[in-house]
Amino acid sequence: MKLVWLRNDLRLADNPALRHACAGDEPVAALFIISPTQWRQHKMASVRQRFMLAQVDVLGRELAALGMPLHLLRVETFAEVPAALADLCREHGVTQLYANQAIEIDEQRRDHAVSAALAEQAVGCHWLNGCCVLPPGRVLTGSGEMFKVFTPFSRAWLKALDEEGFVIHRAPAPRGEPLPWQPLAERAWVDEALGELTADPRWPVGEAEARRRLNDFLEQAVLDYGETRDFPAIAGTSVLSPYLAAGIISPRQCVAALQQRLGYRPQSKAQPGFVWLNELIWREFYRHLLVLIPTLSMNRPFKPETAALPWSWDPDAFSAWCEGRTGYPIVDAAMRCLNATGWMHNRLRMIVASFLTKDLHIHWRLGEDYFMSRLIDGDLAANNGGWQWAAGTGADAAPYFRVFNPTTQGQRFDPQGEFIRTWVTELADIPAAYVHQPHDWLRLKGRQDYPAPMVDHSVARVRAIEMFRSLEK
């Protein structure tokens, strides 16, 4: 028997591991491992766990309809996985294991240990690329090294894709009679391990839903994406990140659908659709970096010298940021949206990350962990890359003195305060002219129901620049 180990690739279509396992006539089974303790150690958000398990439920039913059983194992930590997998393979007569490669260091170490354990039983392990359009190590400089700067990586990525192309794998055909499937909600041990399994209705699961969102975005918004993507009150983004993070849809499917929609693959900013494609390339870049620099998975900065920065760890200031009590409306609205929905618009992610690190001078690691503990689309590579970019410690060609002004960012990207008034209910009735600097208006009304600004941005900005300049001395 062949066994497909599903991880962050919870789909039938364009799943290389599943596709290769289904080659030939041997029986095929699938496996998903639930690791509650490990997930908590990795700060995985409960909303992401529920979303992922709701997709596992759908996938288990779909696999069963194709005649392939999906086994569920509860294994608390990665350290216990090799022995548990060896036992499962022995019990079911598994001769070949197929899985799509992991890029994070803990997951890579786990997979290496699995290979060693299964080799003792003569079980072959096959690791394939299912997380990137082009696998880490494929996009190289002229001297054969992996890139550390995005712009040349982007150019090389586009060139490599033109030379190599890619294939979208179809979902497998039925391999036998349909099998029964017991829903996860009926499995007491799953519920006991993870609590309430009810998925958030704002995030329907299923490959059909992911494709619907992708197609709607390509039909309605992709051509205007460069102009609308930064405005959180406008539905100008694809909102596909949870589906990409769980592997319900693949980046290859996204690129292929964009090409089909446009009739070509855009190559520069001058061409419609390129701005969105460039976001997919950023996603690839951060994943390649995580493989190139494993210490990024270990709370280390991309720029080693920035480890000496005198970051603050002020718990009260951090709590105010987490709870949306900073006194800066766009920051507070973004954080309250995150806490309520498990998702945050990308422009807002940059604003709140800059505020935490450059205004409050709090270590980016705290923000990175908090995002992972709340985000439905929590992904180590993208989250770490974004936080280090904002903090000035990461792979960014811009100088360290770029500091977002939270007031002008709000004025520019939420000019009428629609997004702010949606999430900061204290400001629901404030006129648009005052929404970004509400304190004088509130004072005139005799109201004290919204906090004063935690810091003076102009003063905090100077302090942030001084922090970085101190490294040059």
Protein backbone atom coordinates (compact mmCIF):
# COMPACT_ATOMS: atom_id res chain seq x y z
CA MET A 1 0.00 0.00 0.00
CA LYS A 2 1.03 3.58 -0.67
CA LEU A 3 0.40 6.25 1.96
CA VAL A 4 -0.02 9.99 1.29
CA TRP A 5 0.78 12.14 4.30
CA LEU A 6 -1.24 15.36 4.04
CA ARG A 7 -0.06 18.46 5.90
CA ASN A 8 -0.53 22.02 4.57
CA ASP A 9 -1.75 20.66 1.23
CA LEU A 10 -5.36 19.79 1.97
CA ARG A 11 -6.62 19.38 -1.58
CA LEU A 12 -7.22 16.80 -4.28
CA ALA A 13 -6.28 18.91 -7.30
CA ASP A 14 -2.67 19.89 -8.03
CA ASN A 15 -1.36 17.81 -5.15
CA PRO A 16 1.95 16.30 -6.34
CA ALA A 17 2.21 13.83 -3.46
CA LEU A 18 -1.30 12.51 -4.07
CA ARG A 19 -0.78 12.46 -7.82
CA HIS A 20 2.44 10.42 -7.61
CA ALA A 21 0.99 8.04 -5.05
CA CYS A 22 -1.94 7.33 -7.35
CA ALA A 23 0.30 6.31 -10.23
CA GLY A 24 -0.08 2.56 -10.71
CA ASP A 25 -2.65 0.13 -9.38
CA GLU A 26 -1.57 -0.30 -5.76
CA PRO A 27 -4.05 0.68 -3.04
CA VAL A 28 -3.63 4.24 -1.75
CA ALA A 29 -4.52 5.62 1.66
CA ALA A 30 -4.06 9.10 3.10
CA LEU A 31 -3.03 10.32 6.53
CA PHE A 32 -3.46 13.50 8.55
CA ILE A 33 -1.72 13.92 11.91
CA ILE A 34 -3.30 16.06 14.61
CA SER A 35 -0.62 17.44 16.96
CA PRO A 36 -2.35 19.62 19.57
CA THR A 37 0.68 20.17 21.80
CA GLN A 38 2.96 21.00 18.88
CA TRP A 39 0.38 23.34 17.39
CA ARG A 40 0.17 25.22 20.67
CA GLN A 41 3.96 25.46 20.84
CA HIS A 42 3.92 26.93 17.33
CA LYS A 43 1.24 29.46 18.41
CA MET A 44 -1.25 28.14 15.87
CA ALA A 45 -4.47 30.15 16.11
CA SER A 46 -7.57 28.26 17.20
CA VAL A 47 -9.46 29.74 14.24
CA ARG A 48 -6.81 28.29 11.94
CA GLN A 49 -7.01 24.89 13.63
CA ARG A 50 -10.80 24.81 13.18
CA PHE A 51 -10.50 25.95 9.56
CA MET A 52 -7.90 23.30 8.82
CA LEU A 53 -9.84 20.50 10.50
CA ALA A 54 -13.04 21.51 8.74
CA GLN A 55 -11.13 21.07 5.48
CA VAL A 56 -9.75 17.71 6.67
CA ASP A 57 -13.35 16.65 7.23
CA VAL A 58 -14.34 17.63 3.70
CA LEU A 59 -11.23 16.02 2.24
CA GLY A 60 -11.77 12.81 4.16
CA ARG A 61 -15.27 12.50 2.76
CA GLU A 62 -14.05 13.24 -0.79
CA LEU A 63 -11.21 10.72 -0.55
CA ALA A 64 -13.61 8.11 0.80
CA ALA A 65 -15.88 8.70 -2.19
CA LEU A 66 -12.87 7.89 -4.41
CA GLY A 67 -12.17 4.66 -2.53
CA MET A 68 -9.23 6.00 -0.50
CA PRO A 69 -9.39 6.02 3.30
CA LEU A 70 -8.04 8.96 5.29
CA HIS A 71 -6.42 7.88 8.54
CA LEU A 72 -6.29 10.31 11.45
CA LEU A 73 -3.57 10.07 14.07
CA ARG A 74 -3.28 12.10 17.24
CA VAL A 75 0.42 12.57 17.94
CA GLU A 76 1.09 15.33 20.45
CA THR A 77 4.53 16.51 19.26
CA PHE A 78 6.71 16.19 16.19
CA ALA A 79 9.23 14.14 18.18
CA GLU A 80 6.67 11.33 18.48
CA VAL A 81 5.72 11.30 14.80
CA PRO A 82 8.42 8.94 13.43
CA ALA A 83 7.51 6.10 15.80
CA ALA A 84 3.78 6.62 15.26
CA LEU A 85 4.19 6.62 11.48
CA ALA A 86 6.37 3.53 11.61
CA ASP A 87 3.66 1.72 13.59
CA LEU A 88 0.96 2.79 11.13
CA CYS A 89 3.02 1.66 8.13
CA ARG A 90 3.71 -1.67 9.77
CA GLU A 91 0.03 -2.19 10.64
CA HIS A 92 -1.24 -1.43 7.14
CA GLY A 93 1.58 -2.86 5.08
CA VAL A 94 2.71 0.47 3.68
CA THR A 95 5.66 0.22 1.31
CA GLN A 96 5.87 3.83 0.05
CA LEU A 97 5.22 7.17 1.74
CA TYR A 98 4.48 10.31 -0.28
CA ALA A 99 4.38 13.86 1.08
CA ASN A 100 4.90 17.40 -0.11
CA GLN A 101 8.00 19.02 1.33
CA ALA A 102 7.89 21.19 4.43
CA ILE A 103 10.08 24.29 4.57
CA GLU A 104 10.09 25.14 8.30
CA ILE A 105 13.03 23.88 10.35
CA ASP A 106 11.05 21.89 12.95
CA GLU A 107 9.01 20.26 10.20
CA GLN A 108 12.13 19.48 8.17
CA ARG A 109 13.78 17.85 11.17
CA ARG A 110 10.63 15.82 11.76
CA ASP A 111 10.57 14.66 8.15
CA HIS A 112 14.24 13.67 8.21
CA ALA A 113 13.55 11.61 11.33
CA VAL A 114 10.58 9.98 9.58
CA SER A 115 12.74 9.04 6.60
CA ALA A 116 15.28 7.43 8.91
CA ALA A 117 12.66 5.54 10.90
CA LEU A 118 10.86 4.22 7.81
CA ALA A 119 14.10 3.25 6.10
CA GLU A 120 14.55 0.66 8.84
CA GLN A 121 11.30 -0.94 7.61
CA ALA A 122 12.27 -0.62 3.94
CA VAL A 123 9.50 1.96 3.40
CA GLY A 124 10.51 4.40 0.68
CA CYS A 125 9.88 8.10 1.29
CA HIS A 126 9.15 10.51 -1.55
CA TRP A 127 9.19 14.26 -0.83
CA LEU A 128 7.72 16.49 -3.54
CA ASN A 129 7.20 20.21 -4.13
CA GLY A 130 3.65 21.18 -3.36
CA CYS A 131 4.08 24.54 -1.61
CA CYS A 132 5.73 26.70 -4.28
CA VAL A 133 5.39 27.29 -7.98
CA LEU A 134 9.17 26.87 -8.22
CA PRO A 135 10.80 24.88 -5.41
CA PRO A 136 13.44 26.38 -3.13
CA GLY A 137 16.83 25.96 -4.78
CA ARG A 138 15.46 26.35 -8.30
CA VAL A 139 15.74 30.18 -8.52
CA LEU A 140 19.45 31.01 -8.32
CA THR A 141 21.87 33.85 -8.96
CA GLY A 142 24.42 33.71 -11.75
CA SER A 143 26.89 32.25 -9.26
CA GLY A 144 24.47 29.48 -8.31
CA GLU A 145 23.35 30.87 -4.95
CA MET A 146 19.87 31.53 -3.63
CA PHE A 147 18.69 35.13 -3.59
CA LYS A 148 18.48 37.35 -0.51
CA VAL A 149 17.02 40.40 -2.26
CA PHE A 150 13.51 40.40 -3.67
CA THR A 151 13.75 42.39 -6.92
CA PRO A 152 16.45 40.24 -8.58
CA PHE A 153 14.68 37.16 -7.21
CA SER A 154 11.47 38.29 -8.89
CA ARG A 155 13.19 38.75 -12.25
CA ALA A 156 14.93 35.39 -12.00
CA TRP A 157 11.69 33.71 -10.87
CA LEU A 158 9.82 35.00 -13.91
CA LYS A 159 12.65 33.92 -16.22
CA ALA A 160 12.81 30.44 -14.67
CA LEU A 161 9.05 30.06 -14.97
CA ASP A 162 9.19 30.99 -18.65
CA GLU A 163 11.93 28.44 -19.23
CA GLU A 164 10.44 25.66 -17.16
CA GLY A 165 6.70 26.15 -17.12
CA PHE A 166 4.61 24.11 -14.75
CA VAL A 167 1.92 21.47 -14.72
CA ILE A 168 -1.39 21.50 -12.86
CA HIS A 169 -2.15 18.00 -11.60
CA ARG A 170 -5.74 16.88 -11.86
CA ALA A 171 -7.59 15.38 -8.93
CA PRO A 172 -7.22 11.59 -8.84
CA ALA A 173 -9.76 9.28 -10.41
CA PRO A 174 -11.74 6.80 -8.25
CA ARG A 175 -9.65 3.86 -7.12
CA GLY A 176 -12.34 1.58 -5.78
CA GLU A 177 -15.76 1.45 -4.24
CA PRO A 178 -16.81 4.39 -2.07
CA LEU A 179 -15.91 4.04 1.61
CA PRO A 180 -17.67 5.29 4.74
CA TRP A 181 -16.41 8.44 6.46
CA GLN A 182 -16.97 9.30 10.09
CA PRO A 183 -17.12 13.11 10.54
CA LEU A 184 -14.56 14.59 12.88
CA ALA A 185 -17.27 16.04 15.11
CA GLU A 186 -18.32 12.46 15.92
CA ARG A 187 -14.82 11.44 17.03
CA ALA A 188 -14.59 12.08 20.73
CA TRP A 189 -10.79 12.03 20.85
CA VAL A 190 -10.55 14.80 18.25
CA ASP A 191 -13.01 16.99 20.14
CA GLU A 192 -11.27 16.25 23.42
CA ALA A 193 -7.91 17.26 21.96
CA LEU A 194 -9.00 20.48 20.31
CA GLY A 195 -12.29 21.58 21.83
CA GLU A 196 -15.12 23.00 19.73
CA LEU A 197 -14.62 22.10 16.06
CA THR A 198 -17.28 24.38 14.56
CA ALA A 199 -15.72 26.35 11.71
CA ASP A 200 -16.18 30.10 11.33
CA PRO A 201 -18.97 30.67 8.76
CA ARG A 202 -17.01 33.63 7.39
CA TRP A 203 -14.47 31.14 6.07
CA PRO A 204 -16.22 28.29 4.21
CA VAL A 205 -13.89 25.42 3.41
CA GLY A 206 -13.55 23.32 0.27
CA GLU A 207 -11.64 23.50 -2.98
CA ALA A 208 -14.76 24.72 -4.77
CA GLU A 209 -14.97 27.71 -2.42
CA ALA A 210 -11.29 28.53 -2.96
CA ARG A 211 -11.73 28.35 -6.73
CA ARG A 212 -14.87 30.50 -6.51
CA ARG A 213 -13.01 33.19 -4.59
CA LEU A 214 -10.12 33.06 -7.03
CA ASN A 215 -12.38 33.28 -10.08
CA ASP A 216 -14.49 36.10 -8.59
CA PHE A 217 -11.36 38.09 -7.82
CA LEU A 218 -9.91 37.56 -11.30
CA GLU A 219 -13.18 38.54 -12.95
CA GLN A 220 -14.02 41.52 -10.76
CA ALA A 221 -10.93 42.97 -9.12
CA VAL A 222 -7.57 41.85 -10.50
CA LEU A 223 -7.32 44.57 -13.16
CA ASP A 224 -7.84 47.27 -10.51
CA TYR A 225 -5.81 45.49 -7.83
CA GLY A 226 -2.88 47.90 -8.02
CA GLU A 227 -5.21 50.83 -7.24
CA THR A 228 -7.54 49.21 -4.70
CA ARG A 229 -5.44 46.71 -2.76
CA ASP A 230 -4.38 49.16 -0.03
CA PHE A 231 -7.88 50.26 1.01
CA PRO A 232 -9.30 47.99 3.74
CA ALA A 233 -12.87 49.26 3.33
CA ILE A 234 -12.85 48.12 -0.33
CA ALA A 235 -13.14 44.47 -1.43
CA GLY A 236 -10.04 44.86 -3.57
CA THR A 237 -8.00 41.79 -2.57
CA SER A 238 -8.44 38.09 -3.27
CA VAL A 239 -8.78 37.05 0.42
CA LEU A 240 -7.21 33.74 -0.62
CA SER A 241 -4.47 33.67 2.01
CA PRO A 242 -6.26 31.23 4.39
CA TYR A 243 -6.79 28.82 1.49
CA LEU A 244 -3.18 29.09 0.37
CA ALA A 245 -1.90 28.64 3.93
CA ALA A 246 -3.92 25.44 4.40
CA GLY A 247 -3.14 24.27 0.88
CA ILE A 248 -6.79 24.17 -0.17
CA ILE A 249 -5.60 25.86 -3.35
CA SER A 250 -2.06 25.89 -4.72
CA PRO A 251 0.02 28.86 -5.92
CA ARG A 252 0.34 27.10 -9.27
CA GLN A 253 -3.43 27.10 -9.63
CA CYS A 254 -3.44 30.83 -8.90
CA VAL A 255 -0.81 31.58 -11.55
CA ALA A 256 -2.53 29.35 -14.09
CA ALA A 257 -5.91 31.00 -13.48
CA LEU A 258 -4.36 34.46 -13.83
CA GLN A 259 -2.79 33.47 -17.15
CA GLN A 260 -6.08 32.07 -18.38
CA ARG A 261 -7.94 35.23 -17.35
CA LEU A 262 -5.48 37.59 -19.05
CA GLY A 263 -4.36 35.42 -21.95
CA TYR A 264 -0.73 35.98 -20.98
CA ARG A 265 1.60 35.94 -17.99
CA PRO A 266 2.40 39.54 -16.99
CA GLN A 267 6.10 40.38 -16.81
CA SER A 268 6.22 43.98 -15.53
CA LYS A 269 4.26 46.57 -13.57
CA ALA A 270 3.11 48.07 -16.85
CA GLN A 271 0.96 45.02 -17.55
CA PRO A 272 -2.42 44.44 -15.87
CA GLY A 273 -2.35 41.63 -13.34
CA PHE A 274 1.35 41.95 -12.53
CA VAL A 275 0.84 43.59 -9.14
CA TRP A 276 -1.11 40.57 -7.89
CA LEU A 277 1.35 38.13 -9.48
CA ASN A 278 4.11 40.01 -7.68
CA GLU A 279 2.40 39.29 -4.36
CA LEU A 280 2.55 35.58 -5.19
CA ILE A 281 6.25 36.01 -5.99
CA TRP A 282 6.76 37.68 -2.58
CA ARG A 283 5.15 34.60 -1.03
CA GLU A 284 7.60 32.39 -2.92
CA PHE A 285 10.54 34.60 -1.93
CA TYR A 286 9.82 34.31 1.79
CA ARG A 287 9.46 30.55 1.51
CA HIS A 288 12.77 30.25 -0.32
CA LEU A 289 14.42 32.44 2.32
CA LEU A 290 13.16 30.16 5.08
CA VAL A 291 14.99 27.25 3.44
CA LEU A 292 18.12 29.28 2.74
CA ILE A 293 18.31 30.72 6.28
CA PRO A 294 16.91 28.16 8.77
CA THR A 295 17.56 30.55 11.68
CA LEU A 296 14.57 32.58 10.48
CA SER A 297 12.50 29.73 11.95
CA MET A 298 14.31 30.22 15.26
CA ASN A 299 13.41 33.83 16.14
CA ARG A 300 16.63 35.18 14.63
CA PRO A 301 16.74 38.34 12.48
CA PHE A 302 17.59 38.21 8.79
CA LYS A 303 20.17 40.96 9.42
CA PRO A 304 22.29 39.48 12.24
CA GLU A 305 23.57 42.84 13.45
CA THR A 306 20.02 43.90 14.38
CA ALA A 307 19.97 41.29 17.15
CA ALA A 308 21.71 43.95 19.25
CA LEU A 309 18.83 46.46 18.98
CA PRO A 310 17.53 47.54 22.41
CA TRP A 311 13.93 46.45 21.90
CA SER A 312 11.33 47.01 24.59
CA TRP A 313 9.33 44.16 26.13
CA ASP A 314 6.82 46.43 27.94
CA PRO A 315 3.85 44.15 28.73
CA ASP A 316 1.35 46.97 29.30
CA ALA A 317 2.18 48.70 26.03
CA PHE A 318 2.07 45.37 24.21
CA SER A 319 -1.36 44.56 25.69
CA ALA A 320 -2.72 47.93 24.58
CA TRP A 321 -1.52 47.22 21.04
CA CYS A 322 -2.98 43.69 21.08
CA GLU A 323 -6.37 44.90 22.27
CA GLY A 324 -6.62 47.94 20.01
CA ARG A 325 -6.23 50.59 22.73
CA THR A 326 -3.36 52.66 21.30
CA GLY A 327 -5.29 55.87 20.63
CA TYR A 328 -4.46 55.68 16.92
CA PRO A 329 -7.75 54.80 15.17
CA ILE A 330 -6.40 52.90 12.15
CA VAL A 331 -4.14 50.78 14.39
CA ASP A 332 -6.95 50.04 16.85
CA ALA A 333 -9.45 49.20 14.11
CA ALA A 334 -6.97 46.78 12.51
CA MET A 335 -6.22 44.98 15.76
CA ARG A 336 -9.88 44.70 16.75
CA CYS A 337 -10.68 43.31 13.30
CA LEU A 338 -7.92 40.72 13.71
CA ASN A 339 -9.14 39.69 17.15
CA ALA A 340 -12.72 39.34 15.96
CA THR A 341 -12.22 37.68 12.57
CA GLY A 342 -8.77 36.06 12.48
CA TRP A 343 -7.80 38.05 9.40
CA MET A 344 -6.20 41.41 8.64
CA HIS A 345 -5.82 43.36 5.41
CA ASN A 346 -2.20 43.45 4.23
CA ARG A 347 -1.84 47.24 4.34
CA LEU A 348 -3.07 47.14 7.93
CA ARG A 349 -0.54 44.44 8.78
CA MET A 350 2.21 46.80 7.71
CA ILE A 351 0.74 49.72 9.65
CA VAL A 352 0.29 47.86 12.95
CA ALA A 353 3.67 46.13 12.66
CA SER A 354 5.40 49.44 12.06
CA PHE A 355 3.55 50.94 15.03
CA LEU A 356 4.57 48.15 17.39
CA THR A 357 8.22 48.18 16.37
CA LYS A 358 8.89 51.80 15.36
CA ASP A 359 6.48 53.70 17.63
CA LEU A 360 6.41 51.46 20.70
CA HIS A 361 9.88 50.00 20.00
CA ILE A 362 8.64 46.57 21.07
CA HIS A 363 10.43 43.49 19.74
CA TRP A 364 9.01 42.20 16.47
CA ARG A 365 9.03 38.66 17.86
CA LEU A 366 6.12 39.53 20.17
CA GLY A 367 4.10 40.83 17.25
CA GLU A 368 5.02 37.86 15.08
CA ASP A 369 3.85 35.43 17.77
CA TYR A 370 0.65 37.36 18.42
CA PHE A 371 -0.25 37.33 14.74
CA MET A 372 0.33 33.58 14.56
CA SER A 373 -1.89 33.09 17.61
CA ARG A 374 -4.76 34.97 15.92
CA LEU A 375 -4.46 34.63 12.14
CA ILE A 376 -6.52 32.13 10.17
CA ASP A 377 -3.84 32.39 7.46
CA GLY A 378 -0.89 32.06 9.84
CA ASP A 379 2.13 30.98 7.80
CA LEU A 380 5.62 31.12 9.28
CA ALA A 381 7.42 32.24 6.12
CA ALA A 382 5.02 35.04 5.20
CA ASN A 383 4.44 36.16 8.78
CA ASN A 384 8.12 36.24 9.69
CA GLY A 385 9.03 37.91 6.42
CA GLY A 386 6.40 40.60 6.87
CA TRP A 387 7.28 41.33 10.47
CA GLN A 388 11.01 41.57 9.82
CA TRP A 389 10.34 43.79 6.78
CA ALA A 390 8.33 46.16 8.95
CA ALA A 391 10.82 46.07 11.83
CA GLY A 392 13.82 46.89 9.64
CA THR A 393 15.56 43.62 10.46
CA GLY A 394 14.57 41.67 7.36
CA ALA A 395 15.11 41.30 3.63
CA ASP A 396 14.31 44.83 2.54
CA ALA A 397 16.30 47.14 0.30
CA ALA A 398 14.70 50.26 1.85
CA PRO A 399 16.63 52.04 4.61
CA TYR A 400 15.84 51.52 8.26
CA PHE A 401 14.47 55.05 8.67
CA ARG A 402 11.24 54.19 6.87
CA VAL A 403 8.65 54.57 9.63
CA PHE A 404 4.93 54.55 8.85
CA ASN A 405 2.97 57.49 10.25
CA PRO A 406 -0.22 55.82 11.54
CA THR A 407 -2.29 59.00 11.18
CA THR A 408 -1.35 59.77 7.58
CA GLN A 409 -1.61 56.07 6.67
CA GLY A 410 -5.19 56.11 7.94
CA GLN A 411 -5.97 59.35 6.10
CA ARG A 412 -4.56 57.95 2.88
CA PHE A 413 -6.04 54.46 2.91
CA ASP A 414 -9.28 54.93 4.89
CA PRO A 415 -10.01 58.55 3.99
CA GLN A 416 -13.65 58.59 5.12
CA GLY A 417 -12.97 56.39 8.13
CA GLU A 418 -15.34 53.64 6.99
CA PHE A 419 -13.10 50.86 8.19
CA ILE A 420 -12.29 52.66 11.43
CA ARG A 421 -15.94 53.28 12.32
CA THR A 422 -16.75 49.62 11.62
CA TRP A 423 -14.34 48.35 14.26
CA VAL A 424 -13.80 51.21 16.70
CA THR A 425 -17.37 51.56 17.88
CA GLU A 426 -16.52 54.53 20.12
CA LEU A 427 -15.92 56.49 16.92
CA ALA A 428 -18.98 55.27 15.02
CA ASP A 429 -20.65 58.70 15.12
CA ILE A 430 -17.59 60.88 14.59
CA PRO A 431 -17.48 63.11 11.48
CA ALA A 432 -15.05 62.04 8.79
CA ALA A 433 -13.03 65.21 9.23
CA TYR A 434 -12.04 64.13 12.75
CA VAL A 435 -11.95 60.35 12.50
CA HIS A 436 -8.16 60.03 12.19
CA GLN A 437 -7.44 62.53 14.97
CA PRO A 438 -10.55 62.28 17.13
CA HIS A 439 -9.34 63.52 20.48
CA ASP A 440 -10.15 67.24 20.14
CA TRP A 441 -13.66 66.44 18.91
CA LEU A 442 -14.21 63.96 21.72
CA ARG A 443 -12.96 66.49 24.24
CA LEU A 444 -15.42 69.11 22.97
CA LYS A 445 -18.22 66.55 23.38
CA GLY A 446 -17.08 65.81 26.90
CA ARG A 447 -16.33 62.20 26.05
CA GLN A 448 -13.54 60.04 27.40
CA ASP A 449 -14.52 56.69 25.89
CA TYR A 450 -11.56 56.42 23.51
CA PRO A 451 -7.95 56.33 24.76
CA ALA A 452 -5.46 59.13 24.23
CA PRO A 453 -2.51 58.36 21.94
CA MET A 454 0.01 56.13 23.69
CA VAL A 455 2.98 57.94 22.18
CA ASP A 456 3.82 61.04 20.20
CA HIS A 457 4.61 59.60 16.77
CA SER A 458 7.15 62.28 15.85
CA VAL A 459 9.12 61.64 19.03
CA ALA A 460 8.85 57.85 18.70
CA ARG A 461 10.06 58.01 15.10
CA VAL A 462 13.24 59.82 16.10
CA ARG A 463 13.87 57.26 18.84
CA ALA A 464 13.42 54.38 16.35
CA ILE A 465 15.94 55.90 13.96
CA GLU A 466 18.40 56.45 16.80
CA MET A 467 18.08 52.76 17.75
CA PHE A 468 19.21 51.67 14.31
CA ARG A 469 21.89 54.32 13.97
CA SER A 470 23.42 53.13 17.22
CA LEU A 471 24.30 49.88 15.42
CA GLU A 472 26.62 51.80 13.10
CA LYS A 473 28.78 53.10 15.94
